Amino acid sequence: MDKAPENPAKDNIISEKENCENASKKETGSGFSRRYFLGTMTAIGGTALIGSRKNADAKEFSGWPNRFGCLTDLTACVGCRSCEEACNKANNLPSPKVPFDDKSVFEEKRSPDAHVYTVVNQYKNQKDPDKPIYRKVQCNHCNEPACATACPIHAYTKTPEGAVLYNPDLCFGCRYCMIACPFYVPAYDYESALEPKIVKCIMCYDKIKTGGMPACAEACPAGAVTFGKREDLIKIARDRIKKNPDRYIDHIYGEREFGGTSWMYISGVPFEELDFPAHPQTAPLIENTKGFLGAVPLVFTVWPALFGMCYAAVRHRDKANEEEPKKEHKKEAK
């Protein structure tokens, strides 16, 4: 049995270079065959992607062991929006269109955007119509962030403290992170079109790394947001559920969803009624994208190189064709 090549991807690239050089010899009249060129490049793409999938192996990460997090008790939230106001001040965001004490804001569902990193929405309480339920929405800081998985230039970082950070200096505006996030949190600042920028909650990282806590948790007058070590928050949540079975459903949202999140929730009603993703997978989303991740480096590095080789081959042919009449003319002159 023949020995398999040590580097199949490299062999694929070398063979495709030869294909490009051979393709340059195919002509239609005096020009290069566009159909042949496109066919060749399609074959190159297929070979590159197939070869890359064999070696695709996205690194798994289950989270830092002593990371922090927040536990939001949805039965305790009163919809005062103190968390929104605190977040606004902590991040130097513009004043909201609807004042923080204006309850009319609950007439429509809102999502974090370029000017608001956390929002509170109101939901009907089927058990007690006179007591609406409020849900705080912000980045959940996943253990294995889908945004970081999807980002081709590593603009996202999962810190040891638990926060998921974003580096605008690296971002080129592809917005794959917005599509990948199962909670639809990353927002694009369309007002800075020439300077691509994604914005989202960063869990007040500068504060927690120096011993503080997120501004929203610190400002909550009802104690609906608890900050602490993630493993301790899970114990607190389980204890509350055990002691108050009539108040809570037996579930901690974020303990396992999408591989687990640093921001978790407990509730008195099913989470699907509060617009949480229904029936989420427990495996990290990175499991769904390993093959694609293996292909990304080739898309950004191999394809430009292959186009360059084909272009050089075509240029070499054209130059040779231009010089041929000159040589014939010199022979005739002699």
C-alpha atoms as a PDB file:
ATOM      1  CA  MET A   1       0.000   0.000   0.000  1.00  0.00           C
ATOM      2  CA  ASP A   2       1.378   3.432  -0.907  1.00  0.00           C
ATOM      3  CA  LYS A   3       2.380   5.661   1.939  1.00  0.00           C
ATOM      4  CA  ALA A   4       0.027   8.581   2.505  1.00  0.00           C
ATOM      5  CA  PRO A   5       1.546  12.024   2.003  1.00  0.00           C
ATOM      6  CA  GLU A   6       2.717  13.708   5.206  1.00  0.00           C
ATOM      7  CA  ASN A   7       0.937  16.969   4.413  1.00  0.00           C
ATOM      8  CA  PRO A   8      -2.160  16.464   2.211  1.00  0.00           C
ATOM      9  CA  ALA A   9      -3.091  20.154   2.341  1.00  0.00           C
ATOM     10  CA  LYS A  10       0.326  21.187   1.035  1.00  0.00           C
ATOM     11  CA  ASP A  11       0.175  18.577  -1.734  1.00  0.00           C
ATOM     12  CA  ASN A  12      -3.269  19.874  -2.691  1.00  0.00           C
ATOM     13  CA  ILE A  13      -1.957  23.419  -3.016  1.00  0.00           C
ATOM     14  CA  ILE A  14       1.034  22.325  -5.150  1.00  0.00           C
ATOM     15  CA  SER A  15      -1.201  20.288  -7.463  1.00  0.00           C
ATOM     16  CA  GLU A  16      -3.608  23.185  -7.827  1.00  0.00           C
ATOM     17  CA  LYS A  17      -0.717  25.461  -8.759  1.00  0.00           C
ATOM     18  CA  GLU A  18      -0.010  23.089 -11.618  1.00  0.00           C
ATOM     19  CA  ASN A  19      -3.694  23.226 -12.536  1.00  0.00           C
ATOM     20  CA  CYS A  20      -3.454  27.011 -12.721  1.00  0.00           C
ATOM     21  CA  GLU A  21      -0.407  26.841 -14.976  1.00  0.00           C
ATOM     22  CA  ASN A  22      -2.151  24.315 -17.209  1.00  0.00           C
ATOM     23  CA  ALA A  23      -5.275  26.434 -17.208  1.00  0.00           C
ATOM     24  CA  SER A  24      -3.287  29.366 -18.562  1.00  0.00           C
ATOM     25  CA  LYS A  25      -2.642  27.381 -21.721  1.00  0.00           C
ATOM     26  CA  LYS A  26      -6.363  27.052 -22.469  1.00  0.00           C
ATOM     27  CA  GLU A  27      -7.456  29.868 -24.747  1.00  0.00           C
ATOM     28  CA  THR A  28     -10.540  31.025 -26.545  1.00  0.00           C
ATOM     29  CA  GLY A  29      -9.316  33.030 -29.513  1.00  0.00           C
ATOM     30  CA  SER A  30      -6.656  35.380 -28.162  1.00  0.00           C
ATOM     31  CA  GLY A  31      -8.056  35.477 -24.599  1.00  0.00           C
ATOM     32  CA  PHE A  32      -8.028  33.224 -21.566  1.00  0.00           C
ATOM     33  CA  SER A  33     -11.116  30.983 -21.266  1.00  0.00           C
ATOM     34  CA  ARG A  34     -13.280  32.497 -18.525  1.00  0.00           C
ATOM     35  CA  ARG A  35     -15.284  29.278 -18.172  1.00  0.00           C
ATOM     36  CA  TYR A  36     -12.139  27.199 -17.777  1.00  0.00           C
ATOM     37  CA  PHE A  37     -10.750  29.671 -15.274  1.00  0.00           C
ATOM     38  CA  LEU A  38     -13.900  29.625 -13.128  1.00  0.00           C
ATOM     39  CA  GLY A  39     -14.070  25.862 -13.301  1.00  0.00           C
ATOM     40  CA  THR A  40     -10.477  25.554 -12.193  1.00  0.00           C
ATOM     41  CA  MET A  41     -10.976  27.962  -9.286  1.00  0.00           C
ATOM     42  CA  THR A  42     -14.081  26.093  -8.174  1.00  0.00           C
ATOM     43  CA  ALA A  43     -12.065  22.884  -8.122  1.00  0.00           C
ATOM     44  CA  ILE A  44      -9.365  24.649  -6.111  1.00  0.00           C
ATOM     45  CA  GLY A  45     -11.918  25.845  -3.585  1.00  0.00           C
ATOM     46  CA  GLY A  46     -13.426  22.407  -3.211  1.00  0.00           C
ATOM     47  CA  THR A  47     -10.042  20.739  -2.804  1.00  0.00           C
ATOM     48  CA  ALA A  48      -8.898  23.310  -0.268  1.00  0.00           C
ATOM     49  CA  LEU A  49     -12.044  22.991   1.829  1.00  0.00           C
ATOM     50  CA  ILE A  50     -12.083  19.197   1.705  1.00  0.00           C
ATOM     51  CA  GLY A  51      -8.418  19.037   2.621  1.00  0.00           C
ATOM     52  CA  SER A  52      -8.883  21.499   5.453  1.00  0.00           C
ATOM     53  CA  ARG A  53     -11.769  19.580   7.010  1.00  0.00           C
ATOM     54  CA  LYS A  54      -9.479  16.615   7.621  1.00  0.00           C
ATOM     55  CA  ASN A  55      -7.306  18.730   9.873  1.00  0.00           C
ATOM     56  CA  ALA A  56     -10.048  20.963  11.311  1.00  0.00           C
ATOM     57  CA  ASP A  57      -9.923  20.778  15.090  1.00  0.00           C
ATOM     58  CA  ALA A  58     -11.337  23.786  16.919  1.00  0.00           C
ATOM     59  CA  LYS A  59      -9.968  24.106  20.423  1.00  0.00           C
ATOM     60  CA  GLU A  60     -12.559  23.509  23.107  1.00  0.00           C
ATOM     61  CA  PHE A  61     -12.726  25.678  26.220  1.00  0.00           C
ATOM     62  CA  SER A  62     -14.985  24.957  29.194  1.00  0.00           C
ATOM     63  CA  GLY A  63     -14.382  28.236  31.011  1.00  0.00           C
ATOM     64  CA  TRP A  64     -11.979  29.447  33.647  1.00  0.00           C
ATOM     65  CA  PRO A  65     -12.523  27.570  36.955  1.00  0.00           C
ATOM     66  CA  ASN A  66     -12.829  30.635  39.238  1.00  0.00           C
ATOM     67  CA  ARG A  67     -14.666  32.958  36.900  1.00  0.00           C
ATOM     68  CA  PHE A  68     -17.333  35.356  38.073  1.00  0.00           C
ATOM     69  CA  GLY A  69     -20.910  35.671  36.955  1.00  0.00           C
ATOM     70  CA  CYS A  70     -24.320  37.087  37.781  1.00  0.00           C
ATOM     71  CA  LEU A  71     -27.555  35.425  38.824  1.00  0.00           C
ATOM     72  CA  THR A  72     -30.761  37.248  37.892  1.00  0.00           C
ATOM     73  CA  ASP A  73     -33.817  36.313  39.926  1.00  0.00           C
ATOM     74  CA  LEU A  74     -36.714  37.137  37.626  1.00  0.00           C
ATOM     75  CA  THR A  75     -39.205  36.792  40.489  1.00  0.00           C
ATOM     76  CA  ALA A  76     -37.519  39.662  42.323  1.00  0.00           C
ATOM     77  CA  CYS A  77     -37.132  42.176  39.483  1.00  0.00           C
ATOM     78  CA  VAL A  78     -39.593  45.086  39.792  1.00  0.00           C
ATOM     79  CA  GLY A  79     -38.859  46.762  36.462  1.00  0.00           C
ATOM     80  CA  CYS A  80     -37.409  49.934  37.969  1.00  0.00           C
ATOM     81  CA  ARG A  81     -34.671  50.100  35.276  1.00  0.00           C
ATOM     82  CA  SER A  82     -32.053  51.128  37.834  1.00  0.00           C
ATOM     83  CA  CYS A  83     -29.756  48.636  36.153  1.00  0.00           C
ATOM     84  CA  GLU A  84     -30.225  50.385  32.814  1.00  0.00           C
ATOM     85  CA  GLU A  85     -29.404  53.765  34.322  1.00  0.00           C
ATOM     86  CA  ALA A  86     -26.319  52.436  36.115  1.00  0.00           C
ATOM     87  CA  CYS A  87     -25.091  50.764  32.917  1.00  0.00           C
ATOM     88  CA  ASN A  88     -25.671  53.974  30.991  1.00  0.00           C
ATOM     89  CA  LYS A  89     -23.511  55.998  33.399  1.00  0.00           C
ATOM     90  CA  ALA A  90     -20.792  53.333  33.759  1.00  0.00           C
ATOM     91  CA  ASN A  91     -20.293  53.168  29.986  1.00  0.00           C
ATOM     92  CA  ASN A  92     -20.798  56.871  29.220  1.00  0.00           C
ATOM     93  CA  LEU A  93     -23.699  56.111  26.893  1.00  0.00           C
ATOM     94  CA  PRO A  94     -26.039  58.777  25.469  1.00  0.00           C
ATOM     95  CA  SER A  95     -29.238  59.632  27.317  1.00  0.00           C
ATOM     96  CA  PRO A  96     -32.113  57.263  26.438  1.00  0.00           C
ATOM     97  CA  LYS A  97     -34.970  58.346  24.198  1.00  0.00           C
ATOM     98  CA  VAL A  98     -37.386  57.266  26.931  1.00  0.00           C
ATOM     99  CA  PRO A  99     -36.443  58.451  30.462  1.00  0.00           C
ATOM    100  CA  PHE A 100     -35.568  55.726  32.957  1.00  0.00           C
ATOM    101  CA  ASP A 101     -38.654  56.468  35.060  1.00  0.00           C
ATOM    102  CA  ASP A 102     -41.065  56.328  32.099  1.00  0.00           C
ATOM    103  CA  LYS A 103     -43.019  53.052  32.142  1.00  0.00           C
ATOM    104  CA  SER A 104     -44.219  53.504  28.570  1.00  0.00           C
ATOM    105  CA  VAL A 105     -40.954  51.928  27.480  1.00  0.00           C
ATOM    106  CA  PHE A 106     -42.480  48.528  28.312  1.00  0.00           C
ATOM    107  CA  GLU A 107     -45.031  48.836  25.533  1.00  0.00           C
ATOM    108  CA  GLU A 108     -42.602  47.190  23.141  1.00  0.00           C
ATOM    109  CA  LYS A 109     -39.857  44.581  23.450  1.00  0.00           C
ATOM    110  CA  ARG A 110     -36.357  45.968  23.233  1.00  0.00           C
ATOM    111  CA  SER A 111     -32.913  44.491  22.591  1.00  0.00           C
ATOM    112  CA  PRO A 112     -29.453  45.818  23.440  1.00  0.00           C
ATOM    113  CA  ASP A 113     -28.080  48.065  20.717  1.00  0.00           C
ATOM    114  CA  ALA A 114     -25.213  50.457  20.033  1.00  0.00           C
ATOM    115  CA  HIS A 115     -26.521  52.917  22.627  1.00  0.00           C
ATOM    116  CA  VAL A 116     -27.969  50.571  25.247  1.00  0.00           C
ATOM    117  CA  TYR A 117     -26.031  47.596  26.617  1.00  0.00           C
ATOM    118  CA  THR A 118     -28.774  46.245  28.881  1.00  0.00           C
ATOM    119  CA  VAL A 119     -32.565  46.542  28.709  1.00  0.00           C
ATOM    120  CA  VAL A 120     -35.510  45.429  30.811  1.00  0.00           C
ATOM    121  CA  ASN A 121     -38.638  44.040  29.139  1.00  0.00           C
ATOM    122  CA  GLN A 122     -42.070  43.377  30.617  1.00  0.00           C
ATOM    123  CA  TYR A 123     -44.112  40.173  30.206  1.00  0.00           C
ATOM    124  CA  LYS A 124     -47.593  39.129  31.229  1.00  0.00           C
ATOM    125  CA  ASN A 125     -47.798  36.865  34.229  1.00  0.00           C
ATOM    126  CA  GLN A 126     -50.214  34.043  33.471  1.00  0.00           C
ATOM    127  CA  LYS A 127     -50.394  33.097  37.160  1.00  0.00           C
ATOM    128  CA  ASP A 128     -51.036  36.636  38.411  1.00  0.00           C
ATOM    129  CA  PRO A 129     -52.018  39.211  35.734  1.00  0.00           C
ATOM    130  CA  ASP A 130     -51.628  42.059  38.241  1.00  0.00           C
ATOM    131  CA  LYS A 131     -47.943  41.265  38.721  1.00  0.00           C
ATOM    132  CA  PRO A 132     -46.033  41.441  35.424  1.00  0.00           C
ATOM    133  CA  ILE A 133     -42.699  39.715  35.018  1.00  0.00           C
ATOM    134  CA  TYR A 134     -39.590  41.664  34.079  1.00  0.00           C
ATOM    135  CA  ARG A 135     -36.571  40.282  32.307  1.00  0.00           C
ATOM    136  CA  LYS A 136     -33.176  41.967  32.167  1.00  0.00           C
ATOM    137  CA  VAL A 137     -31.346  41.389  28.871  1.00  0.00           C
ATOM    138  CA  GLN A 138     -27.599  41.799  28.278  1.00  0.00           C
ATOM    139  CA  CYS A 139     -24.635  39.735  27.079  1.00  0.00           C
ATOM    140  CA  ASN A 140     -24.663  36.395  28.904  1.00  0.00           C
ATOM    141  CA  HIS A 141     -20.875  35.914  28.646  1.00  0.00           C
ATOM    142  CA  CYS A 142     -20.922  32.273  27.522  1.00  0.00           C
ATOM    143  CA  ASN A 143     -18.344  29.781  28.754  1.00  0.00           C
ATOM    144  CA  GLU A 144     -17.453  29.063  25.126  1.00  0.00           C
ATOM    145  CA  PRO A 145     -18.681  32.170  23.290  1.00  0.00           C
ATOM    146  CA  ALA A 146     -20.219  31.617  19.872  1.00  0.00           C
ATOM    147  CA  CYS A 147     -19.206  35.170  18.942  1.00  0.00           C
ATOM    148  CA  ALA A 148     -15.554  34.332  19.555  1.00  0.00           C
ATOM    149  CA  THR A 149     -15.939  31.052  17.662  1.00  0.00           C
ATOM    150  CA  ALA A 150     -17.355  32.807  14.606  1.00  0.00           C
ATOM    151  CA  CYS A 151     -14.899  35.712  14.558  1.00  0.00           C
ATOM    152  CA  PRO A 152     -12.234  35.009  11.896  1.00  0.00           C
ATOM    153  CA  ILE A 153      -9.702  37.479  13.330  1.00  0.00           C
ATOM    154  CA  HIS A 154     -10.093  36.747  17.074  1.00  0.00           C
ATOM    155  CA  ALA A 155     -11.537  40.105  18.098  1.00  0.00           C
ATOM    156  CA  TYR A 156     -13.249  38.447  21.088  1.00  0.00           C
ATOM    157  CA  THR A 157     -11.612  37.206  24.289  1.00  0.00           C
ATOM    158  CA  LYS A 158     -12.997  35.103  27.141  1.00  0.00           C
ATOM    159  CA  THR A 159     -11.222  36.462  30.225  1.00  0.00           C
ATOM    160  CA  PRO A 160     -10.305  34.499  33.391  1.00  0.00           C
ATOM    161  CA  GLU A 161     -12.779  36.713  35.265  1.00  0.00           C
ATOM    162  CA  GLY A 162     -15.614  35.449  33.074  1.00  0.00           C
ATOM    163  CA  ALA A 163     -16.315  38.480  30.906  1.00  0.00           C
ATOM    164  CA  VAL A 164     -16.285  38.239  27.116  1.00  0.00           C
ATOM    165  CA  LEU A 165     -14.446  41.241  25.709  1.00  0.00           C
ATOM    166  CA  TYR A 166     -14.338  42.727  22.229  1.00  0.00           C
ATOM    167  CA  ASN A 167     -11.385  44.498  20.576  1.00  0.00           C
ATOM    168  CA  PRO A 168     -12.618  47.118  18.065  1.00  0.00           C
ATOM    169  CA  ASP A 169      -9.090  47.647  16.743  1.00  0.00           C
ATOM    170  CA  LEU A 170      -9.124  44.156  15.201  1.00  0.00           C
ATOM    171  CA  CYS A 171     -12.683  44.156  13.863  1.00  0.00           C
ATOM    172  CA  PHE A 172     -13.233  44.644  10.116  1.00  0.00           C
ATOM    173  CA  GLY A 173     -17.035  44.589  10.310  1.00  0.00           C
ATOM    174  CA  CYS A 174     -17.981  41.111   9.032  1.00  0.00           C
ATOM    175  CA  ARG A 175     -20.652  40.823  11.765  1.00  0.00           C
ATOM    176  CA  TYR A 176     -20.447  37.024  11.911  1.00  0.00           C
ATOM    177  CA  CYS A 177     -20.618  37.369  15.710  1.00  0.00           C
ATOM    178  CA  MET A 178     -24.075  38.911  15.461  1.00  0.00           C
ATOM    179  CA  ILE A 179     -25.312  35.928  13.480  1.00  0.00           C
ATOM    180  CA  ALA A 180     -23.590  33.360  15.703  1.00  0.00           C
ATOM    181  CA  CYS A 181     -24.837  34.641  19.067  1.00  0.00           C
ATOM    182  CA  PRO A 182     -27.805  32.489  20.183  1.00  0.00           C
ATOM    183  CA  PHE A 183     -29.081  35.418  22.259  1.00  0.00           C
ATOM    184  CA  TYR A 184     -28.754  38.060  19.505  1.00  0.00           C
ATOM    185  CA  VAL A 185     -26.792  40.409  21.753  1.00  0.00           C
ATOM    186  CA  PRO A 186     -23.832  41.904  19.820  1.00  0.00           C
ATOM    187  CA  ALA A 187     -24.984  45.104  18.139  1.00  0.00           C
ATOM    188  CA  TYR A 188     -23.391  46.972  15.237  1.00  0.00           C
ATOM    189  CA  ASP A 189     -22.784  50.703  15.469  1.00  0.00           C
ATOM    190  CA  TYR A 190     -24.060  51.749  12.050  1.00  0.00           C
ATOM    191  CA  GLU A 191     -23.255  55.393  12.766  1.00  0.00           C
ATOM    192  CA  SER A 192     -19.535  54.594  12.516  1.00  0.00           C
ATOM    193  CA  ALA A 193     -19.634  52.877   9.115  1.00  0.00           C
ATOM    194  CA  LEU A 194     -16.039  53.826   8.301  1.00  0.00           C
ATOM    195  CA  GLU A 195     -14.848  52.440  11.636  1.00  0.00           C
ATOM    196  CA  PRO A 196     -16.488  49.010  12.138  1.00  0.00           C
ATOM    197  CA  LYS A 197     -17.551  48.601  15.727  1.00  0.00           C
ATOM    198  CA  ILE A 198     -19.539  45.994  17.632  1.00  0.00           C
ATOM    199  CA  VAL A 199     -20.884  46.984  21.030  1.00  0.00           C
ATOM    200  CA  LYS A 200     -22.188  44.951  23.960  1.00  0.00           C
ATOM    201  CA  CYS A 201     -22.035  44.522  27.720  1.00  0.00           C
ATOM    202  CA  ILE A 202     -18.566  43.610  29.010  1.00  0.00           C
ATOM    203  CA  MET A 203     -19.701  42.878  32.598  1.00  0.00           C
ATOM    204  CA  CYS A 204     -17.922  46.043  33.772  1.00  0.00           C
ATOM    205  CA  TYR A 205     -14.637  44.200  33.339  1.00  0.00           C
ATOM    206  CA  ASP A 206     -12.447  47.042  34.632  1.00  0.00           C
ATOM    207  CA  LYS A 207     -14.400  46.956  37.885  1.00  0.00           C
ATOM    208  CA  ILE A 208     -14.536  43.210  38.511  1.00  0.00           C
ATOM    209  CA  LYS A 209     -10.833  42.668  37.821  1.00  0.00           C
ATOM    210  CA  THR A 210     -10.035  45.100  40.631  1.00  0.00           C
ATOM    211  CA  GLY A 211     -12.468  43.626  43.145  1.00  0.00           C
ATOM    212  CA  GLY A 212     -15.659  45.489  42.215  1.00  0.00           C
ATOM    213  CA  MET A 213     -18.919  44.321  40.682  1.00  0.00           C
ATOM    214  CA  PRO A 214     -20.953  45.191  37.588  1.00  0.00           C
ATOM    215  CA  ALA A 215     -22.749  48.521  37.861  1.00  0.00           C
ATOM    216  CA  CYS A 216     -26.165  46.934  37.248  1.00  0.00           C
ATOM    217  CA  ALA A 217     -25.762  44.440  40.098  1.00  0.00           C
ATOM    218  CA  GLU A 218     -24.541  47.149  42.433  1.00  0.00           C
ATOM    219  CA  ALA A 219     -27.466  49.446  41.608  1.00  0.00           C
ATOM    220  CA  CYS A 220     -30.333  46.934  41.840  1.00  0.00           C
ATOM    221  CA  PRO A 221     -32.498  47.997  44.819  1.00  0.00           C
ATOM    222  CA  ALA A 222     -34.498  44.745  44.828  1.00  0.00           C
ATOM    223  CA  GLY A 223     -31.534  42.406  44.980  1.00  0.00           C
ATOM    224  CA  ALA A 224     -32.622  40.774  41.722  1.00  0.00           C
ATOM    225  CA  VAL A 225     -29.031  40.590  40.414  1.00  0.00           C
ATOM    226  CA  THR A 226     -26.435  38.748  42.483  1.00  0.00           C
ATOM    227  CA  PHE A 227     -22.734  38.930  41.559  1.00  0.00           C
ATOM    228  CA  GLY A 228     -20.170  36.334  42.602  1.00  0.00           C
ATOM    229  CA  LYS A 229     -18.204  33.255  41.609  1.00  0.00           C
ATOM    230  CA  ARG A 230     -20.190  31.237  39.087  1.00  0.00           C
ATOM    231  CA  GLU A 231     -19.988  28.002  41.079  1.00  0.00           C
ATOM    232  CA  ASP A 232     -21.286  29.829  44.182  1.00  0.00           C
ATOM    233  CA  LEU A 233     -24.159  31.366  42.219  1.00  0.00           C
ATOM    234  CA  ILE A 234     -25.274  27.908  41.088  1.00  0.00           C
ATOM    235  CA  LYS A 235     -25.375  26.793  44.735  1.00  0.00           C
ATOM    236  CA  ILE A 236     -27.368  29.898  45.698  1.00  0.00           C
ATOM    237  CA  ALA A 237     -29.826  29.270  42.877  1.00  0.00           C
ATOM    238  CA  ARG A 238     -30.322  25.617  43.778  1.00  0.00           C
ATOM    239  CA  ASP A 239     -30.846  26.528  47.420  1.00  0.00           C
ATOM    240  CA  ARG A 240     -33.519  29.109  46.567  1.00  0.00           C
ATOM    241  CA  ILE A 241     -35.331  26.683  44.283  1.00  0.00           C
ATOM    242  CA  LYS A 242     -35.219  23.922  46.898  1.00  0.00           C
ATOM    243  CA  LYS A 243     -36.536  26.147  49.687  1.00  0.00           C
ATOM    244  CA  ASN A 244     -39.231  27.801  47.533  1.00  0.00           C
ATOM    245  CA  PRO A 245     -40.631  25.160  45.153  1.00  0.00           C
ATOM    246  CA  ASP A 246     -43.879  27.119  44.734  1.00  0.00           C
ATOM    247  CA  ARG A 247     -42.025  30.262  43.675  1.00  0.00           C
ATOM    248  CA  TYR A 248     -39.518  28.846  41.179  1.00  0.00           C
ATOM    249  CA  ILE A 249     -39.489  26.298  38.404  1.00  0.00           C
ATOM    250  CA  ASP A 250     -36.750  23.734  38.921  1.00  0.00           C
ATOM    251  CA  HIS A 251     -34.298  25.053  36.380  1.00  0.00           C
ATOM    252  CA  ILE A 252     -31.273  27.373  36.272  1.00  0.00           C
ATOM    253  CA  TYR A 253     -31.094  28.901  32.823  1.00  0.00           C
ATOM    254  CA  GLY A 254     -27.472  29.290  31.779  1.00  0.00           C
ATOM    255  CA  GLU A 255     -26.060  26.490  33.893  1.00  0.00           C
ATOM    256  CA  ARG A 256     -25.827  24.227  30.843  1.00  0.00           C
ATOM    257  CA  GLU A 257     -27.488  26.032  27.923  1.00  0.00           C
ATOM    258  CA  PHE A 258     -25.100  26.372  24.961  1.00  0.00           C
ATOM    259  CA  GLY A 259     -22.295  25.011  27.105  1.00  0.00           C
ATOM    260  CA  GLY A 260     -23.117  27.279  30.038  1.00  0.00           C
ATOM    261  CA  THR A 261     -23.060  31.044  30.574  1.00  0.00           C
ATOM    262  CA  SER A 262     -21.648  33.369  33.208  1.00  0.00           C
ATOM    263  CA  TRP A 263     -24.998  35.180  33.428  1.00  0.00           C
ATOM    264  CA  MET A 264     -27.704  32.865  34.741  1.00  0.00           C
ATOM    265  CA  TYR A 265     -31.399  33.118  35.603  1.00  0.00           C
ATOM    266  CA  ILE A 266     -34.046  31.584  37.845  1.00  0.00           C
ATOM    267  CA  SER A 267     -37.754  32.109  37.199  1.00  0.00           C
ATOM    268  CA  GLY A 268     -41.254  31.341  38.350  1.00  0.00           C
ATOM    269  CA  VAL A 269     -42.491  30.610  34.824  1.00  0.00           C
ATOM    270  CA  PRO A 270     -41.037  28.606  31.923  1.00  0.00           C
ATOM    271  CA  PHE A 271     -38.252  30.533  30.244  1.00  0.00           C
ATOM    272  CA  GLU A 272     -39.829  30.092  26.821  1.00  0.00           C
ATOM    273  CA  GLU A 273     -42.598  32.479  27.954  1.00  0.00           C
ATOM    274  CA  LEU A 274     -39.945  35.173  28.460  1.00  0.00           C
ATOM    275  CA  ASP A 275     -38.365  34.920  25.002  1.00  0.00           C
ATOM    276  CA  PHE A 276     -35.407  32.791  26.032  1.00  0.00           C
ATOM    277  CA  PRO A 277     -34.290  30.445  23.232  1.00  0.00           C
ATOM    278  CA  ALA A 278     -36.545  27.400  23.429  1.00  0.00           C
ATOM    279  CA  HIS A 279     -35.000  23.914  23.745  1.00  0.00           C
ATOM    280  CA  PRO A 280     -31.386  25.102  23.449  1.00  0.00           C
ATOM    281  CA  GLN A 281     -28.605  22.581  23.055  1.00  0.00           C
ATOM    282  CA  THR A 282     -26.364  21.939  26.028  1.00  0.00           C
ATOM    283  CA  ALA A 283     -23.195  21.423  24.004  1.00  0.00           C
ATOM    284  CA  PRO A 284     -21.210  24.570  23.201  1.00  0.00           C
ATOM    285  CA  LEU A 285     -22.016  26.009  19.781  1.00  0.00           C
ATOM    286  CA  ILE A 286     -18.371  25.484  18.847  1.00  0.00           C
ATOM    287  CA  GLU A 287     -19.298  21.809  18.330  1.00  0.00           C
ATOM    288  CA  ASN A 288     -21.425  22.857  15.342  1.00  0.00           C
ATOM    289  CA  THR A 289     -18.701  24.855  13.637  1.00  0.00           C
ATOM    290  CA  LYS A 290     -15.466  22.844  13.853  1.00  0.00           C
ATOM    291  CA  GLY A 291     -15.421  22.011  10.147  1.00  0.00           C
ATOM    292  CA  PHE A 292     -16.102  25.605   9.167  1.00  0.00           C
ATOM    293  CA  LEU A 293     -13.418  26.908  11.527  1.00  0.00           C
ATOM    294  CA  GLY A 294     -10.846  24.656   9.923  1.00  0.00           C
ATOM    295  CA  ALA A 295     -11.647  26.175   6.543  1.00  0.00           C
ATOM    296  CA  VAL A 296     -11.509  29.822   7.612  1.00  0.00           C
ATOM    297  CA  PRO A 297      -7.693  30.138   7.610  1.00  0.00           C
ATOM    298  CA  LEU A 298      -7.581  28.657   4.092  1.00  0.00           C
ATOM    299  CA  VAL A 299     -10.250  31.042   2.860  1.00  0.00           C
ATOM    300  CA  PHE A 300      -8.232  34.015   4.061  1.00  0.00           C
ATOM    301  CA  THR A 301      -4.755  32.779   3.111  1.00  0.00           C
ATOM    302  CA  VAL A 302      -4.801  30.044   0.472  1.00  0.00           C
ATOM    303  CA  TRP A 303      -7.359  31.541  -1.898  1.00  0.00           C
ATOM    304  CA  PRO A 304      -5.522  34.855  -2.379  1.00  0.00           C
ATOM    305  CA  ALA A 305      -2.308  32.908  -2.997  1.00  0.00           C
ATOM    306  CA  LEU A 306      -3.960  30.645  -5.563  1.00  0.00           C
ATOM    307  CA  PHE A 307      -5.506  33.577  -7.393  1.00  0.00           C
ATOM    308  CA  GLY A 308      -2.074  35.175  -7.410  1.00  0.00           C
ATOM    309  CA  MET A 309      -0.486  32.082  -8.927  1.00  0.00           C
ATOM    310  CA  CYS A 310      -3.143  31.875 -11.632  1.00  0.00           C
ATOM    311  CA  TYR A 311      -2.745  35.559 -12.387  1.00  0.00           C
ATOM    312  CA  ALA A 312       1.040  35.157 -12.645  1.00  0.00           C
ATOM    313  CA  ALA A 313       0.621  32.181 -14.980  1.00  0.00           C
ATOM    314  CA  VAL A 314      -1.721  34.127 -17.249  1.00  0.00           C
ATOM    315  CA  ARG A 315       0.616  37.135 -17.267  1.00  0.00           C
ATOM    316  CA  HIS A 316       3.539  34.880 -18.148  1.00  0.00           C
ATOM    317  CA  ARG A 317       1.601  33.434 -21.093  1.00  0.00           C
ATOM    318  CA  ASP A 318       0.543  36.872 -22.353  1.00  0.00           C
ATOM    319  CA  LYS A 319       4.100  38.148 -22.139  1.00  0.00           C
ATOM    320  CA  ALA A 320       5.361  35.119 -24.068  1.00  0.00           C
ATOM    321  CA  ASN A 321       2.724  35.697 -26.760  1.00  0.00           C
ATOM    322  CA  GLU A 322       3.780  39.327 -27.078  1.00  0.00           C
ATOM    323  CA  GLU A 323       7.470  38.449 -27.459  1.00  0.00           C
ATOM    324  CA  GLU A 324       6.899  35.713 -30.071  1.00  0.00           C
ATOM    325  CA  PRO A 325       6.153  38.109 -32.989  1.00  0.00           C
ATOM    326  CA  LYS A 326       9.235  40.142 -32.091  1.00  0.00           C
ATOM    327  CA  LYS A 327      11.459  37.049 -32.332  1.00  0.00           C
ATOM    328  CA  GLU A 328       9.939  36.117 -35.702  1.00  0.00           C
ATOM    329  CA  HIS A 329      10.499  39.669 -36.961  1.00  0.00           C
ATOM    330  CA  LYS A 330      14.179  39.534 -35.955  1.00  0.00           C
ATOM    331  CA  LYS A 331      14.638  36.225 -37.796  1.00  0.00           C
ATOM    332  CA  GLU A 332      13.090  37.653 -40.949  1.00  0.00           C
ATOM    333  CA  ALA A 333      15.318  40.726 -40.715  1.00  0.00           C
ATOM    334  CA  LYS A 334      18.410  38.553 -40.671  1.00  0.00           C
END
